[in-house]
PDB file of N, CA and C in Angstrom:
ATOM      1  N   MET A   1      92.968  92.343   5.059  1.00  0.00           N
ATOM      2  CA  MET A   1      91.878  91.446   5.405  1.00  0.00           C
ATOM      3  C   MET A   1      90.867  91.454   4.274  1.00  0.00           C
ATOM      4  N   SER A   2      90.321  90.306   4.027  1.00  0.00           N
ATOM      5  CA  SER A   2      89.316  90.233   2.968  1.00  0.00           C
ATOM      6  C   SER A   2      88.053  90.960   3.408  1.00  0.00           C
ATOM      7  N   ARG A   3      87.233  91.288   2.469  1.00  0.00           N
ATOM      8  CA  ARG A   3      86.003  91.991   2.798  1.00  0.00           C
ATOM      9  C   ARG A   3      84.948  91.051   3.361  1.00  0.00           C
ATOM     10  N   ARG A   4      85.261  89.751   3.412  1.00  0.00           N
ATOM     11  CA  ARG A   4      84.281  88.800   3.932  1.00  0.00           C
ATOM     12  C   ARG A   4      84.021  89.044   5.403  1.00  0.00           C
ATOM     13  N   GLY A   5      85.043  89.444   6.163  1.00  0.00           N
ATOM     14  CA  GLY A   5      84.877  89.784   7.563  1.00  0.00           C
ATOM     15  C   GLY A   5      84.151  88.756   8.367  1.00  0.00           C
ATOM     16  N   LEU A   6      83.302  89.208   9.297  1.00  0.00           N
ATOM     17  CA  LEU A   6      82.674  88.305  10.239  1.00  0.00           C
ATOM     18  C   LEU A   6      81.405  88.899  10.797  1.00  0.00           C
ATOM     19  N   GLY A   7      80.414  88.056  11.048  1.00  0.00           N
ATOM     20  CA  GLY A   7      79.193  88.465  11.726  1.00  0.00           C
ATOM     21  C   GLY A   7      78.585  89.722  11.147  1.00  0.00           C
ATOM     22  N   SER A   8      78.112  90.621  12.036  1.00  0.00           N
ATOM     23  CA  SER A   8      77.495  91.859  11.568  1.00  0.00           C
ATOM     24  C   SER A   8      78.509  92.741  10.857  1.00  0.00           C
ATOM     25  N   SER A   9      79.797  92.632  11.248  1.00  0.00           N
ATOM     26  CA  SER A   9      80.836  93.372  10.532  1.00  0.00           C
ATOM     27  C   SER A   9      80.888  92.920   9.084  1.00  0.00           C
ATOM     28  N   SER A  10      80.736  91.624   8.881  1.00  0.00           N
ATOM     29  CA  SER A  10      80.766  91.065   7.530  1.00  0.00           C
ATOM     30  C   SER A  10      79.643  91.646   6.691  1.00  0.00           C
ATOM     31  N   TYR A  11      78.447  91.641   7.230  1.00  0.00           N
ATOM     32  CA  TYR A  11      77.308  92.145   6.472  1.00  0.00           C
ATOM     33  C   TYR A  11      77.467  93.634   6.201  1.00  0.00           C
ATOM     34  N   ALA A  12      77.894  94.369   7.194  1.00  0.00           N
ATOM     35  CA  ALA A  12      78.057  95.807   7.029  1.00  0.00           C
ATOM     36  C   ALA A  12      79.117  96.106   5.974  1.00  0.00           C
ATOM     37  N   SER A  13      80.179  95.330   5.966  1.00  0.00           N
ATOM     38  CA  SER A  13      81.246  95.535   4.990  1.00  0.00           C
ATOM     39  C   SER A  13      80.808  95.101   3.590  1.00  0.00           C
ATOM     40  N   ARG A  14      80.218  93.903   3.490  1.00  0.00           N
ATOM     41  CA  ARG A  14      79.807  93.388   2.172  1.00  0.00           C
ATOM     42  C   ARG A  14      78.732  94.238   1.532  1.00  0.00           C
ATOM     43  N   LEU A  15      77.807  94.759   2.338  1.00  0.00           N
ATOM     44  CA  LEU A  15      76.730  95.592   1.797  1.00  0.00           C
ATOM     45  C   LEU A  15      77.159  97.037   1.633  1.00  0.00           C
ATOM     46  N   GLU A  16      78.399  97.314   2.012  1.00  0.00           N
ATOM     47  CA  GLU A  16      78.965  98.651   1.944  1.00  0.00           C
ATOM     48  C   GLU A  16      78.168  99.672   2.745  1.00  0.00           C
ATOM     49  N   VAL A  17      77.467  99.181   3.774  1.00  0.00           N
ATOM     50  CA  VAL A  17      76.791 100.066   4.713  1.00  0.00           C
ATOM     51  C   VAL A  17      77.853 100.724   5.591  1.00  0.00           C
ATOM     52  N   LEU A  18      78.823  99.929   5.952  1.00  0.00           N
ATOM     53  CA  LEU A  18      79.958 100.400   6.748  1.00  0.00           C
ATOM     54  C   LEU A  18      81.204  99.700   6.205  1.00  0.00           C
ATOM     55  N   PRO A  19      81.755 100.199   5.122  1.00  0.00           N
ATOM     56  CA  PRO A  19      82.872  99.513   4.456  1.00  0.00           C
ATOM     57  C   PRO A  19      84.070  99.257   5.367  1.00  0.00           C
ATOM     58  N   GLU A  20      84.272 100.099   6.375  1.00  0.00           N
ATOM     59  CA  GLU A  20      85.417  99.929   7.261  1.00  0.00           C
ATOM     60  C   GLU A  20      85.166  98.902   8.382  1.00  0.00           C
ATOM     61  N   ALA A  21      84.025  98.239   8.362  1.00  0.00           N
ATOM     62  CA  ALA A  21      83.690  97.264   9.406  1.00  0.00           C
ATOM     63  C   ALA A  21      84.704  96.125   9.466  1.00  0.00           C
ATOM     64  N   ALA A  22      85.192  95.666   8.331  1.00  0.00           N
ATOM     65  CA  ALA A  22      86.184  94.585   8.333  1.00  0.00           C
ATOM     66  C   ALA A  22      87.441  95.020   9.063  1.00  0.00           C
ATOM     67  N   GLY A  23      87.849  96.260   8.896  1.00  0.00           N
ATOM     68  CA  GLY A  23      89.010  96.794   9.609  1.00  0.00           C
ATOM     69  C   GLY A  23      88.762  96.872  11.107  1.00  0.00           C
ATOM     70  N   PHE A  24      87.531  97.256  11.495  1.00  0.00           N
ATOM     71  CA  PHE A  24      87.178  97.294  12.919  1.00  0.00           C
ATOM     72  C   PHE A  24      87.292  95.899  13.532  1.00  0.00           C
ATOM     73  N   ALA A  25      86.778  94.906  12.816  1.00  0.00           N
ATOM     74  CA  ALA A  25      86.827  93.527  13.304  1.00  0.00           C
ATOM     75  C   ALA A  25      88.267  93.046  13.434  1.00  0.00           C
ATOM     76  N   ALA A  26      89.110  93.397  12.467  1.00  0.00           N
ATOM     77  CA  ALA A  26      90.520  92.986  12.513  1.00  0.00           C
ATOM     78  C   ALA A  26      91.232  93.607  13.704  1.00  0.00           C
ATOM     79  N   ARG A  27      90.971  94.886  13.960  1.00  0.00           N
ATOM     80  CA  ARG A  27      91.608  95.543  15.112  1.00  0.00           C
ATOM     81  C   ARG A  27      91.086  94.965  16.423  1.00  0.00           C
ATOM     82  N   ALA A  28      89.804  94.666  16.478  1.00  0.00           N
ATOM     83  CA  ALA A  28      89.244  94.049  17.686  1.00  0.00           C
ATOM     84  C   ALA A  28      89.877  92.680  17.935  1.00  0.00           C
ATOM     85  N   ALA A  29      90.079  91.923  16.873  1.00  0.00           N
ATOM     86  CA  ALA A  29      90.684  90.591  17.013  1.00  0.00           C
ATOM     87  C   ALA A  29      92.124  90.686  17.515  1.00  0.00           C
ATOM     88  N   ARG A  30      92.873  91.647  17.002  1.00  0.00           N
ATOM     89  CA  ARG A  30      94.252  91.809  17.483  1.00  0.00           C
ATOM     90  C   ARG A  30      94.263  92.210  18.959  1.00  0.00           C
ATOM     91  N   THR A  31      93.331  93.058  19.356  1.00  0.00           N
ATOM     92  CA  THR A  31      93.232  93.457  20.761  1.00  0.00           C
ATOM     93  C   THR A  31      92.895  92.256  21.641  1.00  0.00           C
ATOM     94  N   VAL A  32      91.948  91.451  21.197  1.00  0.00           N
ATOM     95  CA  VAL A  32      91.563  90.247  21.940  1.00  0.00           C
ATOM     96  C   VAL A  32      92.746  89.292  22.061  1.00  0.00           C
ATOM     97  N   ALA A  33      93.448  89.066  20.975  1.00  0.00           N
ATOM     98  CA  ALA A  33      94.564  88.111  20.981  1.00  0.00           C
ATOM     99  C   ALA A  33      95.698  88.558  21.890  1.00  0.00           C
ATOM    100  N   ARG A  34      95.930  89.849  21.964  1.00  0.00           N
ATOM    101  CA  ARG A  34      97.088  90.349  22.711  1.00  0.00           C
ATOM    102  C   ARG A  34      96.759  90.855  24.104  1.00  0.00           C
ATOM    103  N   GLY A  35      95.515  91.170  24.356  1.00  0.00           N
ATOM    104  CA  GLY A  35      95.220  91.857  25.612  1.00  0.00           C
ATOM    105  C   GLY A  35      94.248  91.202  26.558  1.00  0.00           C
ATOM    106  N   THR A  36      93.888  89.939  26.322  1.00  0.00           N
ATOM    107  CA  THR A  36      92.857  89.351  27.194  1.00  0.00           C
ATOM    108  C   THR A  36      93.289  88.052  27.862  1.00  0.00           C
ATOM    109  N   ARG A  37      94.564  87.844  28.024  1.00  0.00           N
ATOM    110  CA  ARG A  37      95.041  86.601  28.645  1.00  0.00           C
ATOM    111  C   ARG A  37      94.741  86.543  30.134  1.00  0.00           C
ATOM    112  N   TRP A  38      94.396  87.640  30.717  1.00  0.00           N
ATOM    113  CA  TRP A  38      94.163  87.739  32.152  1.00  0.00           C
ATOM    114  C   TRP A  38      92.744  87.346  32.558  1.00  0.00           C
ATOM    115  N   THR A  39      91.847  87.221  31.601  1.00  0.00           N
ATOM    116  CA  THR A  39      90.428  87.066  31.932  1.00  0.00           C
ATOM    117  C   THR A  39      90.052  85.642  32.328  1.00  0.00           C
ATOM    118  N   HIS A  40      88.826  85.459  32.749  1.00  0.00           N
ATOM    119  CA  HIS A  40      88.298  84.170  33.204  1.00  0.00           C
ATOM    120  C   HIS A  40      88.126  83.204  32.035  1.00  0.00           C
ATOM    121  N   PRO A  41      87.919  81.919  32.329  1.00  0.00           N
ATOM    122  CA  PRO A  41      87.804  80.934  31.250  1.00  0.00           C
ATOM    123  C   PRO A  41      86.444  80.876  30.551  1.00  0.00           C
ATOM    124  N   VAL A  42      85.453  81.622  30.989  1.00  0.00           N
ATOM    125  CA  VAL A  42      84.077  81.446  30.521  1.00  0.00           C
ATOM    126  C   VAL A  42      83.844  81.913  29.081  1.00  0.00           C
ATOM    127  N   GLN A  43      82.758  81.443  28.505  1.00  0.00           N
ATOM    128  CA  GLN A  43      82.356  81.751  27.132  1.00  0.00           C
ATOM    129  C   GLN A  43      81.823  83.189  27.018  1.00  0.00           C
ATOM    130  N   CYS A  44      81.038  83.624  27.967  1.00  0.00           N
ATOM    131  CA  CYS A  44      80.341  84.903  27.879  1.00  0.00           C
ATOM    132  C   CYS A  44      81.288  86.085  27.756  1.00  0.00           C
ATOM    133  N   HIS A  45      82.230  86.203  28.639  1.00  0.00           N
ATOM    134  CA  HIS A  45      83.106  87.373  28.677  1.00  0.00           C
ATOM    135  C   HIS A  45      84.523  86.977  29.104  1.00  0.00           C
ATOM    136  N   GLY A  46      84.943  85.809  28.628  1.00  0.00           N
ATOM    137  CA  GLY A  46      86.251  85.313  29.025  1.00  0.00           C
ATOM    138  C   GLY A  46      87.022  84.677  27.885  1.00  0.00           C
ATOM    139  N   LEU A  47      87.985  83.881  28.250  1.00  0.00           N
ATOM    140  CA  LEU A  47      88.892  83.280  27.277  1.00  0.00           C
ATOM    141  C   LEU A  47      88.181  82.443  26.219  1.00  0.00           C
ATOM    142  N   SER A  48      87.218  81.632  26.624  1.00  0.00           N
ATOM    143  CA  SER A  48      86.536  80.764  25.646  1.00  0.00           C
ATOM    144  C   SER A  48      85.829  81.577  24.566  1.00  0.00           C
ATOM    145  N   GLY A  49      85.123  82.613  24.978  1.00  0.00           N
ATOM    146  CA  GLY A  49      84.460  83.470  24.002  1.00  0.00           C
ATOM    147  C   GLY A  49      85.452  84.204  23.115  1.00  0.00           C
ATOM    148  N   ASN A  50      86.571  84.626  23.700  1.00  0.00           N
ATOM    149  CA  ASN A  50      87.598  85.306  22.916  1.00  0.00           C
ATOM    150  C   ASN A  50      88.245  84.364  21.905  1.00  0.00           C
ATOM    151  N   ILE A  51      88.486  83.130  22.329  1.00  0.00           N
ATOM    152  CA  ILE A  51      89.026  82.126  21.403  1.00  0.00           C
ATOM    153  C   ILE A  51      88.059  81.911  20.247  1.00  0.00           C
ATOM    154  N   GLU A  52      86.780  81.815  20.559  1.00  0.00           N
ATOM    155  CA  GLU A  52      85.790  81.599  19.493  1.00  0.00           C
ATOM    156  C   GLU A  52      85.734  82.787  18.528  1.00  0.00           C
ATOM    157  N   PHE A  53      85.874  83.996  19.040  1.00  0.00           N
ATOM    158  CA  PHE A  53      85.913  85.169  18.162  1.00  0.00           C
ATOM    159  C   PHE A  53      87.108  85.073  17.219  1.00  0.00           C
ATOM    160  N   LEU A  54      88.265  84.700  17.746  1.00  0.00           N
ATOM    161  CA  LEU A  54      89.450  84.554  16.895  1.00  0.00           C
ATOM    162  C   LEU A  54      89.270  83.430  15.878  1.00  0.00           C
ATOM    163  N   LEU A  55      88.583  82.367  16.261  1.00  0.00           N
ATOM    164  CA  LEU A  55      88.297  81.289  15.308  1.00  0.00           C
ATOM    165  C   LEU A  55      87.339  81.771  14.221  1.00  0.00           C
ATOM    166  N   ASP A  56      86.368  82.588  14.593  1.00  0.00           N
ATOM    167  CA  ASP A  56      85.474  83.180  13.590  1.00  0.00           C
ATOM    168  C   ASP A  56      86.286  84.013  12.587  1.00  0.00           C
ATOM    169  N   MET A  57      87.200  84.801  13.109  1.00  0.00           N
ATOM    170  CA  MET A  57      88.037  85.633  12.237  1.00  0.00           C
ATOM    171  C   MET A  57      88.916  84.766  11.332  1.00  0.00           C
ATOM    172  N   PHE A  58      89.465  83.702  11.887  1.00  0.00           N
ATOM    173  CA  PHE A  58      90.282  82.799  11.077  1.00  0.00           C
ATOM    174  C   PHE A  58      89.443  82.161   9.969  1.00  0.00           C
ATOM    175  N   GLN A  59      88.251  81.701  10.304  1.00  0.00           N
ATOM    176  CA  GLN A  59      87.397  81.078   9.295  1.00  0.00           C
ATOM    177  C   GLN A  59      86.991  82.067   8.212  1.00  0.00           C
ATOM    178  N   ALA A  60      86.777  83.309   8.601  1.00  0.00           N
ATOM    179  CA  ALA A  60      86.350  84.320   7.627  1.00  0.00           C
ATOM    180  C   ALA A  60      87.481  84.769   6.713  1.00  0.00           C
ATOM    181  N   THR A  61      88.709  84.776   7.232  1.00  0.00           N
ATOM    182  CA  THR A  61      89.813  85.365   6.467  1.00  0.00           C
ATOM    183  C   THR A  61      90.921  84.384   6.100  1.00  0.00           C
ATOM    184  N   ARG A  62      91.009  83.281   6.837  1.00  0.00           N
ATOM    185  CA  ARG A  62      92.099  82.294   6.700  1.00  0.00           C
ATOM    186  C   ARG A  62      93.459  82.902   7.041  1.00  0.00           C
ATOM    187  N   GLU A  63      93.459  83.991   7.800  1.00  0.00           N
ATOM    188  CA  GLU A  63      94.708  84.604   8.229  1.00  0.00           C
ATOM    189  C   GLU A  63      95.230  83.880   9.465  1.00  0.00           C
ATOM    190  N   GLN A  64      96.448  83.377   9.368  1.00  0.00           N
ATOM    191  CA  GLN A  64      97.057  82.545  10.400  1.00  0.00           C
ATOM    192  C   GLN A  64      97.184  83.254  11.740  1.00  0.00           C
ATOM    193  N   GLU A  65      97.337  84.570  11.744  1.00  0.00           N
ATOM    194  CA  GLU A  65      97.521  85.285  13.010  1.00  0.00           C
ATOM    195  C   GLU A  65      96.329  85.083  13.950  1.00  0.00           C
ATOM    196  N   TYR A  66      95.136  84.927  13.399  1.00  0.00           N
ATOM    197  CA  TYR A  66      93.967  84.719  14.255  1.00  0.00           C
ATOM    198  C   TYR A  66      93.983  83.329  14.875  1.00  0.00           C
ATOM    199  N   LEU A  67      94.392  82.346  14.112  1.00  0.00           N
ATOM    200  CA  LEU A  67      94.496  80.984  14.652  1.00  0.00           C
ATOM    201  C   LEU A  67      95.608  80.910  15.688  1.00  0.00           C
ATOM    202  N   ASP A  68      96.728  81.554  15.419  1.00  0.00           N
ATOM    203  CA  ASP A  68      97.819  81.585  16.391  1.00  0.00           C
ATOM    204  C   ASP A  68      97.362  82.243  17.691  1.00  0.00           C
ATOM    205  N   GLY A  69      96.601  83.320  17.576  1.00  0.00           N
ATOM    206  CA  GLY A  69      96.067  83.993  18.764  1.00  0.00           C
ATOM    207  C   GLY A  69      95.131  83.095  19.545  1.00  0.00           C
ATOM    208  N   ALA A  70      94.303  82.336  18.842  1.00  0.00           N
ATOM    209  CA  ALA A  70      93.378  81.411  19.510  1.00  0.00           C
ATOM    210  C   ALA A  70      94.153  80.340  20.268  1.00  0.00           C
ATOM    211  N   TYR A  71      95.199  79.806  19.664  1.00  0.00           N
ATOM    212  CA  TYR A  71      96.012  78.794  20.343  1.00  0.00           C
ATOM    213  C   TYR A  71      96.736  79.375  21.561  1.00  0.00           C
ATOM    214  N   ALA A  72      97.199  80.596  21.454  1.00  0.00           N
ATOM    215  CA  ALA A  72      97.867  81.234  22.595  1.00  0.00           C
ATOM    216  C   ALA A  72      96.896  81.406  23.760  1.00  0.00           C
ATOM    217  N   LEU A  73      95.668  81.835  23.462  1.00  0.00           N
ATOM    218  CA  LEU A  73      94.672  81.972  24.528  1.00  0.00           C
ATOM    219  C   LEU A  73      94.280  80.604  25.082  1.00  0.00           C
ATOM    220  N   ALA A  74      94.299  79.580  24.244  1.00  0.00           N
ATOM    221  CA  ALA A  74      93.983  78.225  24.718  1.00  0.00           C
ATOM    222  C   ALA A  74      95.026  77.753  25.733  1.00  0.00           C
ATOM    223  N   GLN A  75      96.275  78.154  25.556  1.00  0.00           N
ATOM    224  CA  GLN A  75      97.294  77.810  26.546  1.00  0.00           C
ATOM    225  C   GLN A  75      96.972  78.460  27.892  1.00  0.00           C
ATOM    226  N   ALA A  76      96.519  79.709  27.853  1.00  0.00           N
ATOM    227  CA  ALA A  76      96.108  80.378  29.090  1.00  0.00           C
ATOM    228  C   ALA A  76      94.893  79.671  29.693  1.00  0.00           C
ATOM    229  N   LEU A  77      93.977  79.228  28.840  1.00  0.00           N
ATOM    230  CA  LEU A  77      92.785  78.511  29.300  1.00  0.00           C
ATOM    231  C   LEU A  77      93.155  77.232  30.040  1.00  0.00           C
ATOM    232  N   GLU A  78      94.189  76.541  29.551  1.00  0.00           N
ATOM    233  CA  GLU A  78      94.636  75.304  30.196  1.00  0.00           C
ATOM    234  C   GLU A  78      95.020  75.527  31.651  1.00  0.00           C
ATOM    235  N   ALA A  79      95.551  76.694  31.952  1.00  0.00           N
ATOM    236  CA  ALA A  79      96.000  76.986  33.313  1.00  0.00           C
ATOM    237  C   ALA A  79      94.847  76.993  34.314  1.00  0.00           C
ATOM    238  N   PHE A  80      93.637  77.212  33.846  1.00  0.00           N
ATOM    239  CA  PHE A  80      92.479  77.247  34.731  1.00  0.00           C
ATOM    240  C   PHE A  80      91.890  75.862  35.020  1.00  0.00           C
ATOM    241  N   ALA A  81      92.285  74.859  34.267  1.00  0.00           N
ATOM    242  CA  ALA A  81      91.701  73.521  34.410  1.00  0.00           C
ATOM    243  C   ALA A  81      91.985  72.949  35.805  1.00  0.00           C
ATOM    244  N   VAL A  82      90.962  72.328  36.347  1.00  0.00           N
ATOM    245  CA  VAL A  82      91.061  71.676  37.653  1.00  0.00           C
ATOM    246  C   VAL A  82      90.608  70.233  37.476  1.00  0.00           C
ATOM    247  N   GLU A  83      91.400  69.313  37.955  1.00  0.00           N
ATOM    248  CA  GLU A  83      91.029  67.899  37.851  1.00  0.00           C
ATOM    249  C   GLU A  83      90.324  67.463  39.128  1.00  0.00           C
ATOM    250  N   LYS A  84      89.157  66.846  38.949  1.00  0.00           N
ATOM    251  CA  LYS A  84      88.377  66.295  40.065  1.00  0.00           C
ATOM    252  C   LYS A  84      87.918  64.908  39.660  1.00  0.00           C
ATOM    253  N   GLU A  85      88.315  63.931  40.421  1.00  0.00           N
ATOM    254  CA  GLU A  85      87.916  62.541  40.174  1.00  0.00           C
ATOM    255  C   GLU A  85      88.168  62.117  38.728  1.00  0.00           C
ATOM    256  N   GLY A  86      89.316  62.503  38.188  1.00  0.00           N
ATOM    257  CA  GLY A  86      89.699  62.095  36.842  1.00  0.00           C
ATOM    258  C   GLY A  86      89.075  62.907  35.712  1.00  0.00           C
ATOM    259  N   GLN A  87      88.305  63.939  36.025  1.00  0.00           N
ATOM    260  CA  GLN A  87      87.653  64.782  35.016  1.00  0.00           C
ATOM    261  C   GLN A  87      88.203  66.199  35.116  1.00  0.00           C
ATOM    262  N   LEU A  88      88.265  66.886  33.979  1.00  0.00           N
ATOM    263  CA  LEU A  88      88.691  68.285  33.984  1.00  0.00           C
ATOM    264  C   LEU A  88      87.482  69.208  34.056  1.00  0.00           C
ATOM    265  N   TYR A  89      87.619  70.240  34.866  1.00  0.00           N
ATOM    266  CA  TYR A  89      86.587  71.259  35.016  1.00  0.00           C
ATOM    267  C   TYR A  89      87.248  72.623  34.940  1.00  0.00           C
ATOM    268  N   TRP A  90      86.470  73.624  34.536  1.00  0.00           N
ATOM    269  CA  TRP A  90      86.952  74.997  34.521  1.00  0.00           C
ATOM    270  C   TRP A  90      86.011  75.829  35.371  1.00  0.00           C
ATOM    271  N   PRO A  91      86.572  76.699  36.197  1.00  0.00           N
ATOM    272  CA  PRO A  91      85.726  77.535  37.050  1.00  0.00           C
ATOM    273  C   PRO A  91      85.067  78.656  36.265  1.00  0.00           C
ATOM    274  N   SER A  92      84.085  79.264  36.885  1.00  0.00           N
ATOM    275  CA  SER A  92      83.478  80.442  36.290  1.00  0.00           C
ATOM    276  C   SER A  92      84.295  81.659  36.759  1.00  0.00           C
ATOM    277  N   GLU A  93      83.714  82.819  36.960  1.00  0.00           N
ATOM    278  CA  GLU A  93      84.507  83.991  37.374  1.00  0.00           C
ATOM    279  C   GLU A  93      85.149  83.773  38.733  1.00  0.00           C
ATOM    280  N   ASN A  94      84.437  83.138  39.607  1.00  0.00           N
ATOM    281  CA  ASN A  94      84.954  82.798  40.932  1.00  0.00           C
ATOM    282  C   ASN A  94      85.737  81.495  40.805  1.00  0.00           C
ATOM    283  N   PRO A  95      87.014  81.490  41.156  1.00  0.00           N
ATOM    284  CA  PRO A  95      87.822  80.285  40.964  1.00  0.00           C
ATOM    285  C   PRO A  95      87.366  79.079  41.792  1.00  0.00           C
ATOM    286  N   GLU A  96      86.429  79.296  42.702  1.00  0.00           N
ATOM    287  CA  GLU A  96      85.933  78.189  43.518  1.00  0.00           C
ATOM    288  C   GLU A  96      84.534  77.755  43.113  1.00  0.00           C
ATOM    289  N   SER A  97      84.009  78.364  42.065  1.00  0.00           N
ATOM    290  CA  SER A  97      82.660  78.068  41.595  1.00  0.00           C
ATOM    291  C   SER A  97      82.727  77.323  40.262  1.00  0.00           C
ATOM    292  N   PHE A  98      82.130  76.143  40.211  1.00  0.00           N
ATOM    293  CA  PHE A  98      82.111  75.331  38.997  1.00  0.00           C
ATOM    294  C   PHE A  98      80.663  75.091  38.600  1.00  0.00           C
ATOM    295  N   SER A  99      80.338  75.459  37.370  1.00  0.00           N
ATOM    296  CA  SER A  99      78.966  75.345  36.881  1.00  0.00           C
ATOM    297  C   SER A  99      78.980  74.695  35.500  1.00  0.00           C
ATOM    298  N   PRO A 100      77.986  73.846  35.222  1.00  0.00           N
ATOM    299  CA  PRO A 100      77.917  73.237  33.888  1.00  0.00           C
ATOM    300  C   PRO A 100      77.266  74.145  32.844  1.00  0.00           C
ATOM    301  N   SER A 101      76.996  75.385  33.168  1.00  0.00           N
ATOM    302  CA  SER A 101      76.304  76.260  32.224  1.00  0.00           C
ATOM    303  C   SER A 101      77.179  76.598  31.013  1.00  0.00           C
ATOM    304  N   TYR A 102      76.529  77.035  29.960  1.00  0.00           N
ATOM    305  CA  TYR A 102      77.233  77.324  28.710  1.00  0.00           C
ATOM    306  C   TYR A 102      77.973  78.662  28.769  1.00  0.00           C
ATOM    307  N   LEU A 103      77.296  79.730  29.130  1.00  0.00           N
ATOM    308  CA  LEU A 103      77.918  81.049  29.056  1.00  0.00           C
ATOM    309  C   LEU A 103      78.901  81.331  30.178  1.00  0.00           C
ATOM    310  N   VAL A 104      78.625  80.876  31.385  1.00  0.00           N
ATOM    311  CA  VAL A 104      79.524  81.174  32.511  1.00  0.00           C
ATOM    312  C   VAL A 104      79.995  79.912  33.232  1.00  0.00           C
ATOM    313  N   GLY A 105      80.057  78.809  32.515  1.00  0.00           N
ATOM    314  CA  GLY A 105      80.512  77.565  33.117  1.00  0.00           C
ATOM    315  C   GLY A 105      81.360  76.752  32.173  1.00  0.00           C
ATOM    316  N   TYR A 106      81.615  75.525  32.575  1.00  0.00           N
ATOM    317  CA  TYR A 106      82.542  74.702  31.799  1.00  0.00           C
ATOM    318  C   TYR A 106      81.947  74.102  30.532  1.00  0.00           C
ATOM    319  N   ALA A 107      80.645  74.150  30.335  1.00  0.00           N
ATOM    320  CA  ALA A 107      80.078  73.684  29.063  1.00  0.00           C
ATOM    321  C   ALA A 107      80.546  74.573  27.909  1.00  0.00           C
ATOM    322  N   GLY A 108      80.622  75.867  28.135  1.00  0.00           N
ATOM    323  CA  GLY A 108      81.121  76.785  27.114  1.00  0.00           C
ATOM    324  C   GLY A 108      82.594  76.569  26.817  1.00  0.00           C
ATOM    325  N   VAL A 109      83.349  76.205  27.852  1.00  0.00           N
ATOM    326  CA  VAL A 109      84.766  75.904  27.651  1.00  0.00           C
ATOM    327  C   VAL A 109      84.899  74.640  26.803  1.00  0.00           C
ATOM    328  N   ALA A 110      84.091  73.633  27.113  1.00  0.00           N
ATOM    329  CA  ALA A 110      84.139  72.381  26.340  1.00  0.00           C
ATOM    330  C   ALA A 110      83.793  72.629  24.878  1.00  0.00           C
ATOM    331  N   ALA A 111      82.769  73.449  24.623  1.00  0.00           N
ATOM    332  CA  ALA A 111      82.394  73.767  23.237  1.00  0.00           C
ATOM    333  C   ALA A 111      83.533  74.490  22.522  1.00  0.00           C
ATOM    334  N   CYS A 112      84.197  75.381  23.211  1.00  0.00           N
ATOM    335  CA  CYS A 112      85.328  76.102  22.644  1.00  0.00           C
ATOM    336  C   CYS A 112      86.453  75.133  22.287  1.00  0.00           C
ATOM    337  N   LEU A 113      86.774  74.222  23.193  1.00  0.00           N
ATOM    338  CA  LEU A 113      87.854  73.264  22.945  1.00  0.00           C
ATOM    339  C   LEU A 113      87.511  72.319  21.791  1.00  0.00           C
ATOM    340  N   LEU A 114      86.246  71.942  21.698  1.00  0.00           N
ATOM    341  CA  LEU A 114      85.805  71.095  20.585  1.00  0.00           C
ATOM    342  C   LEU A 114      86.020  71.833  19.256  1.00  0.00           C
ATOM    343  N   ARG A 115      85.640  73.076  19.240  1.00  0.00           N
ATOM    344  CA  ARG A 115      85.812  73.870  18.033  1.00  0.00           C
ATOM    345  C   ARG A 115      87.289  74.084  17.705  1.00  0.00           C
ATOM    346  N   LEU A 116      88.103  74.261  18.721  1.00  0.00           N
ATOM    347  CA  LEU A 116      89.540  74.465  18.522  1.00  0.00           C
ATOM    348  C   LEU A 116      90.203  73.224  17.934  1.00  0.00           C
ATOM    349  N   ALA A 117      89.604  72.057  18.157  1.00  0.00           N
ATOM    350  CA  ALA A 117      90.150  70.815  17.601  1.00  0.00           C
ATOM    351  C   ALA A 117      89.995  70.755  16.081  1.00  0.00           C
ATOM    352  N   GLU A 118      89.040  71.485  15.534  1.00  0.00           N
ATOM    353  CA  GLU A 118      88.801  71.551  14.082  1.00  0.00           C
ATOM    354  C   GLU A 118      88.571  73.008  13.685  1.00  0.00           C
ATOM    355  N   PRO A 119      89.592  73.840  13.804  1.00  0.00           N
ATOM    356  CA  PRO A 119      89.379  75.284  13.666  1.00  0.00           C
ATOM    357  C   PRO A 119      88.955  75.759  12.287  1.00  0.00           C
ATOM    358  N   ALA A 120      89.260  75.024  11.265  1.00  0.00           N
ATOM    359  CA  ALA A 120      88.917  75.486   9.916  1.00  0.00           C
ATOM    360  C   ALA A 120      87.464  75.210   9.542  1.00  0.00           C
ATOM    361  N   HIS A 121      86.818  74.269  10.231  1.00  0.00           N
ATOM    362  CA  HIS A 121      85.495  73.830   9.782  1.00  0.00           C
ATOM    363  C   HIS A 121      84.383  73.962  10.814  1.00  0.00           C
ATOM    364  N   ARG A 122      84.677  73.718  12.059  1.00  0.00           N
ATOM    365  CA  ARG A 122      83.619  73.691  13.077  1.00  0.00           C
ATOM    366  C   ARG A 122      83.184  75.115  13.401  1.00  0.00           C
ATOM    367  N   VAL A 123      81.874  75.351  13.387  1.00  0.00           N
ATOM    368  CA  VAL A 123      81.335  76.693  13.659  1.00  0.00           C
ATOM    369  C   VAL A 123      80.854  76.772  15.101  1.00  0.00           C
ATOM    370  N   SER A 124      80.630  77.963  15.560  1.00  0.00           N
ATOM    371  CA  SER A 124      80.163  78.212  16.912  1.00  0.00           C
ATOM    372  C   SER A 124      78.797  77.572  17.137  1.00  0.00           C
ATOM    373  N   LEU A 125      78.570  77.094  18.325  1.00  0.00           N
ATOM    374  CA  LEU A 125      77.253  76.550  18.673  1.00  0.00           C
ATOM    375  C   LEU A 125      76.181  77.618  18.694  1.00  0.00           C
ATOM    376  N   LEU A 126      76.583  78.881  18.771  1.00  0.00           N
ATOM    377  CA  LEU A 126      75.619  79.972  18.801  1.00  0.00           C
ATOM    378  C   LEU A 126      75.105  80.366  17.426  1.00  0.00           C
ATOM    379  N   ARG A 127      75.633  79.758  16.383  1.00  0.00           N
ATOM    380  CA  ARG A 127      75.143  80.060  15.028  1.00  0.00           C
ATOM    381  C   ARG A 127      73.878  79.339  14.739  1.00  0.00           C
TER     382      ARG A 127
END
């Protein structure tokens, strides 16, 4: 992995405050890609946020494994979609609760999907 890394890991690695930070980020990304398919669709602590983390890693390193992981989690995300009156919605942690909020509702899922449509260039809305 390049030393460019991501987020605070990137700064810690580039400034050599914590040179192994890039390795920590890479291991975290592999864990997210392989071990979080069971979680909820939300941005805060679910699939959407995990997809965005993998997209951050892909943008920082251009390593295909992170993009592949994001697409795999997106397939799991599709399984949560519910159609109502011709529109798609994603539930929050409770499969019967639908909220337009960003962190625990379908707005965060929509932002994730928008970013996934242009994974090399579009950055997180939280930046």
